[in-house]
Amino acid sequence: MPSPVTLPRLSWGDPGASRCALLIHGLGSNGALVWRYGVALADAGWRADAVDLRGHGTAPRTLDYTLAAYGSDVAAVRGDRGPWDLVVGHSLGGAASVLAAAGDPTWTRRLILIDPAIALTDRDRGIVRDSQTRSFEDPSQAAVRAEHPHWHSQDIELKALSAQQASRWAVEQTSAQNPDWDVTDAALRVEVPTHVIASDPAVYSIFRGKPAEAAVAPNPRFSVSVIAGAGHSPHRDAPEATIAALLEALG
């Protein structure tokens, strides 16, 4: 396993809460952008900590941006009182979470994966590269608002900030250093209850209806729900429905 770096954290909720969650963002984003999950979990009595992944936000920069390196970093993030009660991972954060959970069944008691990047088709890789290129070429709030006019103002602000904070080289290397983007073998080894909140393939999803969905289907610990009308970031496209799905999955 690659050597981990220490990831900075943001927190929501009572530090003494009995249930603790770790929130992990996607490629080109930052920990602050998962604020919807942090607020919802805090309101439900949880403590939620979000991290900036390597090369993103204020996290350390490195030369290694393989999926294994991202997984090593998040596996090293521990709760104050033992295993995490829940890990929520979006996109790249979902792939990193799968690697960490497969490598150490005691890391978390439960996973919720938001349209996770478990395996990417060539078409998906091109769409992701194009999206990241646009973000870096114009990392302004005006550009984000033009592309996503229905997003909450805080999501627009933070998405622009995340593009300004992230290392463009790191994001580009995340694609270049992972020519075979596929963690399905790890997903099949996950031993904790795992729920996927997928985006709507009629809009755009990197999980639903893709080879990744079929590949993880043999793992009985996986279940799936879909956020109708939402693209790859359902917590920004359809926040109320996404948070409702999260809380329902937690029972």
Protein backbone atom coordinates (compact mmCIF):
# COMPACT_ATOMS: atom_id res chain seq x y z
CA MET A 1 0.00 0.00 0.00
CA PRO A 2 1.27 3.53 -0.74
CA SER A 3 2.29 5.69 2.20
CA PRO A 4 -0.69 7.74 3.40
CA VAL A 5 -0.82 11.48 3.91
CA THR A 6 -2.75 13.14 6.72
CA LEU A 7 -6.00 14.59 5.42
CA PRO A 8 -7.48 17.82 6.85
CA ARG A 9 -10.99 17.63 8.29
CA LEU A 10 -14.17 19.65 8.65
CA SER A 11 -16.80 18.61 11.19
CA TRP A 12 -20.54 18.94 11.79
CA GLY A 13 -22.45 17.91 14.90
CA ASP A 14 -21.74 17.30 18.57
CA PRO A 15 -18.17 16.04 19.15
CA GLY A 16 -19.60 13.74 21.81
CA ALA A 17 -22.24 12.18 19.55
CA SER A 18 -22.58 8.43 19.90
CA ARG A 19 -22.49 7.83 16.12
CA CYS A 20 -19.66 9.08 13.88
CA ALA A 21 -19.52 9.32 10.10
CA LEU A 22 -16.73 10.04 7.61
CA LEU A 23 -17.60 11.93 4.41
CA ILE A 24 -15.38 11.63 1.32
CA HIS A 25 -15.78 13.88 -1.74
CA GLY A 26 -15.25 13.20 -5.43
CA LEU A 27 -12.63 14.19 -8.00
CA GLY A 28 -11.99 17.93 -8.26
CA SER A 29 -14.09 18.71 -5.20
CA ASN A 30 -13.29 19.31 -1.53
CA GLY A 31 -14.58 18.29 1.88
CA ALA A 32 -16.76 21.36 2.25
CA LEU A 33 -18.81 20.31 -0.80
CA VAL A 34 -20.35 17.38 1.10
CA TRP A 35 -21.97 19.84 3.51
CA ARG A 36 -25.47 18.53 2.74
CA TYR A 37 -24.58 15.17 4.27
CA GLY A 38 -22.81 16.81 7.20
CA VAL A 39 -25.79 18.98 8.07
CA ALA A 40 -28.31 16.16 7.68
CA LEU A 41 -26.33 13.73 9.81
CA ALA A 42 -25.66 16.37 12.48
CA ASP A 43 -29.38 17.16 12.62
CA ALA A 44 -30.02 13.42 13.09
CA GLY A 45 -27.67 13.30 16.08
CA TRP A 46 -24.45 12.21 14.37
CA ARG A 47 -20.96 13.68 14.33
CA ALA A 48 -19.78 13.92 10.69
CA ASP A 49 -16.20 14.59 9.60
CA ALA A 50 -15.31 15.40 5.99
CA VAL A 51 -11.79 15.21 4.55
CA ASP A 52 -10.00 16.85 1.64
CA LEU A 53 -8.43 14.12 -0.52
CA ARG A 54 -4.75 14.33 -1.48
CA GLY A 55 -4.17 17.02 -4.11
CA HIS A 56 -7.54 18.61 -3.29
CA GLY A 57 -8.60 21.43 -1.00
CA THR A 58 -5.86 22.07 1.55
CA ALA A 59 -4.62 18.45 1.63
CA PRO A 60 -0.95 17.61 0.99
CA ARG A 61 0.27 17.30 -2.58
CA THR A 62 2.15 14.17 -3.68
CA LEU A 63 3.37 12.42 -6.81
CA ASP A 64 1.12 9.39 -6.39
CA TYR A 65 -2.52 9.74 -7.45
CA THR A 66 -3.39 6.08 -7.94
CA LEU A 67 -6.65 4.76 -6.55
CA ALA A 68 -4.54 2.70 -4.15
CA ALA A 69 -3.02 5.90 -2.76
CA TYR A 70 -6.43 7.51 -2.24
CA GLY A 71 -7.60 4.32 -0.55
CA SER A 72 -4.55 4.24 1.71
CA ASP A 73 -5.20 7.82 2.83
CA VAL A 74 -8.83 7.30 3.78
CA ALA A 75 -8.08 3.97 5.45
CA ALA A 76 -5.71 5.88 7.74
CA VAL A 77 -8.49 8.29 8.78
CA ARG A 78 -9.89 6.89 12.03
CA GLY A 79 -12.71 7.88 14.30
CA ASP A 80 -12.07 8.97 17.86
CA ARG A 81 -13.77 5.91 19.33
CA GLY A 82 -12.91 3.05 17.03
CA PRO A 83 -14.48 2.10 13.69
CA TRP A 84 -16.58 4.61 11.83
CA ASP A 85 -20.28 3.92 12.18
CA LEU A 86 -20.72 5.13 8.60
CA VAL A 87 -18.61 6.20 5.64
CA VAL A 88 -20.23 8.17 2.81
CA GLY A 89 -18.16 8.36 -0.38
CA HIS A 90 -19.04 10.18 -3.60
CA SER A 91 -17.55 9.20 -6.97
CA LEU A 92 -13.75 8.96 -6.47
CA GLY A 93 -14.46 9.01 -2.74
CA GLY A 94 -16.65 5.96 -3.27
CA ALA A 95 -13.82 4.07 -4.98
CA ALA A 96 -11.39 5.01 -2.21
CA SER A 97 -13.94 3.93 0.41
CA VAL A 98 -14.39 0.55 -1.25
CA LEU A 99 -10.64 -0.06 -1.24
CA ALA A 100 -10.35 0.93 2.42
CA ALA A 101 -13.31 -1.21 3.51
CA ALA A 102 -12.13 -4.23 1.52
CA GLY A 103 -8.66 -3.93 3.01
CA ASP A 104 -9.85 -3.60 6.61
CA PRO A 105 -13.34 -4.87 7.58
CA THR A 106 -13.01 -3.04 10.92
CA TRP A 107 -12.60 0.41 9.34
CA THR A 108 -16.33 1.12 9.13
CA ARG A 109 -19.56 -0.60 10.11
CA ARG A 110 -21.47 0.64 7.03
CA LEU A 111 -20.89 2.23 3.63
CA ILE A 112 -23.10 4.53 1.61
CA LEU A 113 -21.70 5.18 -1.87
CA ILE A 114 -22.98 8.12 -3.91
CA ASP A 115 -22.84 7.30 -7.65
CA PRO A 116 -19.47 5.66 -6.95
CA ALA A 117 -16.62 5.43 -9.46
CA ILE A 118 -16.19 1.69 -8.98
CA ALA A 119 -15.36 1.13 -12.65
CA LEU A 120 -15.30 3.66 -15.47
CA THR A 121 -16.00 3.07 -19.13
CA ASP A 122 -13.94 4.90 -21.73
CA ARG A 123 -16.94 7.16 -22.34
CA ASP A 124 -17.20 7.97 -18.64
CA ARG A 125 -13.50 8.81 -18.49
CA GLY A 126 -13.89 11.25 -21.37
CA ILE A 127 -16.91 12.92 -19.77
CA VAL A 128 -15.05 13.29 -16.47
CA ARG A 129 -11.96 14.74 -18.17
CA ASP A 130 -14.06 17.24 -20.11
CA SER A 131 -15.88 18.31 -16.94
CA GLN A 132 -12.65 18.81 -15.02
CA THR A 133 -11.08 20.74 -17.90
CA ARG A 134 -14.02 23.17 -17.94
CA SER A 135 -13.76 23.63 -14.17
CA PHE A 136 -10.08 24.54 -14.32
CA GLU A 137 -10.32 26.74 -17.39
CA ASP A 138 -12.88 28.96 -15.69
CA PRO A 139 -12.98 28.36 -11.92
CA SER A 140 -15.46 31.15 -11.28
CA GLN A 141 -18.85 31.16 -9.61
CA ALA A 142 -20.34 32.60 -12.80
CA ALA A 143 -19.15 29.57 -14.80
CA VAL A 144 -20.52 27.12 -12.24
CA ARG A 145 -23.84 28.96 -12.08
CA ALA A 146 -24.14 28.97 -15.89
CA GLU A 147 -23.67 25.19 -16.00
CA HIS A 148 -25.76 24.42 -12.89
CA PRO A 149 -28.26 27.26 -12.40
CA HIS A 150 -30.47 25.22 -10.07
CA TRP A 151 -27.75 24.47 -7.51
CA HIS A 152 -27.81 26.02 -4.06
CA SER A 153 -25.70 29.18 -3.75
CA GLN A 154 -23.34 27.46 -1.32
CA ASP A 155 -22.72 24.62 -3.78
CA ILE A 156 -21.92 27.16 -6.49
CA GLU A 157 -19.52 29.02 -4.19
CA LEU A 158 -17.82 25.85 -3.00
CA LYS A 159 -17.57 24.21 -6.41
CA ALA A 160 -15.76 27.29 -7.71
CA LEU A 161 -13.52 27.31 -4.65
CA SER A 162 -12.72 23.62 -5.04
CA ALA A 163 -11.45 24.22 -8.59
CA GLN A 164 -9.30 27.08 -7.32
CA GLN A 165 -7.90 24.98 -4.47
CA ALA A 166 -7.28 21.68 -6.21
CA SER A 167 -4.07 20.89 -8.05
CA ARG A 168 -4.89 20.64 -11.75
CA TRP A 169 -1.89 18.37 -12.16
CA ALA A 170 -3.18 16.10 -9.40
CA VAL A 171 -6.61 15.83 -11.00
CA GLU A 172 -5.10 15.13 -14.42
CA GLN A 173 -2.76 12.53 -12.92
CA THR A 174 -5.68 10.81 -11.22
CA SER A 175 -6.85 9.90 -14.70
CA ALA A 176 -3.40 9.27 -16.18
CA GLN A 177 -2.17 7.07 -13.32
CA ASN A 178 -5.28 4.88 -13.35
CA PRO A 179 -5.53 3.61 -16.93
CA ASP A 180 -7.64 0.67 -15.73
CA TRP A 181 -10.06 2.38 -13.35
CA ASP A 182 -11.70 -0.65 -11.75
CA VAL A 183 -12.11 -1.57 -8.07
CA THR A 184 -14.83 -4.17 -8.59
CA ASP A 185 -12.63 -6.92 -7.13
CA ALA A 186 -12.40 -4.90 -3.93
CA ALA A 187 -16.15 -4.23 -3.98
CA LEU A 188 -16.82 -7.96 -4.06
CA ARG A 189 -14.71 -8.34 -0.89
CA VAL A 190 -16.58 -5.69 1.11
CA GLU A 191 -18.09 -7.35 4.17
CA VAL A 192 -20.16 -4.48 5.63
CA PRO A 193 -23.67 -3.38 4.61
CA THR A 194 -23.28 -1.11 1.58
CA HIS A 195 -25.95 1.00 -0.05
CA VAL A 196 -25.42 2.77 -3.38
CA ILE A 197 -27.37 5.96 -3.99
CA ALA A 198 -27.06 6.12 -7.76
CA SER A 199 -27.76 8.96 -10.13
CA ASP A 200 -30.39 8.74 -12.83
CA PRO A 201 -28.94 7.19 -16.01
CA ALA A 202 -31.45 9.23 -18.01
CA VAL A 203 -29.50 12.28 -16.82
CA TYR A 204 -26.04 10.82 -16.23
CA SER A 205 -24.67 8.13 -13.91
CA ILE A 206 -21.28 6.43 -13.74
CA PHE A 207 -22.79 3.50 -11.82
CA ARG A 208 -26.41 2.77 -12.70
CA GLY A 209 -26.77 0.72 -15.85
CA LYS A 210 -23.00 0.47 -16.26
CA PRO A 211 -20.70 -2.59 -16.01
CA ALA A 212 -19.86 -1.62 -12.42
CA GLU A 213 -23.44 -2.18 -11.29
CA ALA A 214 -23.55 -5.68 -12.73
CA ALA A 215 -20.07 -6.46 -11.40
CA VAL A 216 -20.95 -5.76 -7.76
CA ALA A 217 -24.39 -7.38 -7.94
CA PRO A 218 -23.07 -10.76 -6.70
CA ASN A 219 -22.14 -9.17 -3.35
CA PRO A 220 -25.29 -9.62 -1.22
CA ARG A 221 -24.23 -6.77 1.06
CA PHE A 222 -24.87 -4.23 -1.74
CA SER A 223 -28.23 -2.57 -2.30
CA VAL A 224 -29.10 0.23 -4.72
CA SER A 225 -31.53 3.13 -4.93
CA VAL A 226 -31.75 5.77 -7.67
CA ILE A 227 -32.38 9.53 -7.42
CA ALA A 228 -34.72 10.32 -10.29
CA GLY A 229 -33.80 13.38 -12.32
CA ALA A 230 -30.35 13.76 -10.73
CA GLY A 231 -26.97 13.70 -12.41
CA HIS A 232 -23.64 12.51 -11.04
CA SER A 233 -23.82 14.78 -7.95
CA PRO A 234 -27.32 14.03 -6.64
CA HIS A 235 -26.73 15.92 -3.39
CA ARG A 236 -26.44 19.07 -5.49
CA ASP A 237 -28.97 18.23 -8.22
CA ALA A 238 -31.71 16.82 -5.97
CA PRO A 239 -30.63 17.39 -2.36
CA GLU A 240 -33.94 16.70 -0.62
CA ALA A 241 -34.46 13.35 -2.35
CA THR A 242 -30.81 12.38 -1.83
CA ILE A 243 -30.84 13.14 1.88
CA ALA A 244 -34.14 11.27 2.24
CA ALA A 245 -32.51 8.25 0.56
CA LEU A 246 -29.52 8.53 2.90
CA LEU A 247 -31.66 8.60 6.04
CA GLU A 248 -33.86 5.77 4.75
CA ALA A 249 -30.78 3.62 4.12
CA LEU A 250 -29.69 4.23 7.71
CA GLY A 251 -33.05 3.00 8.94
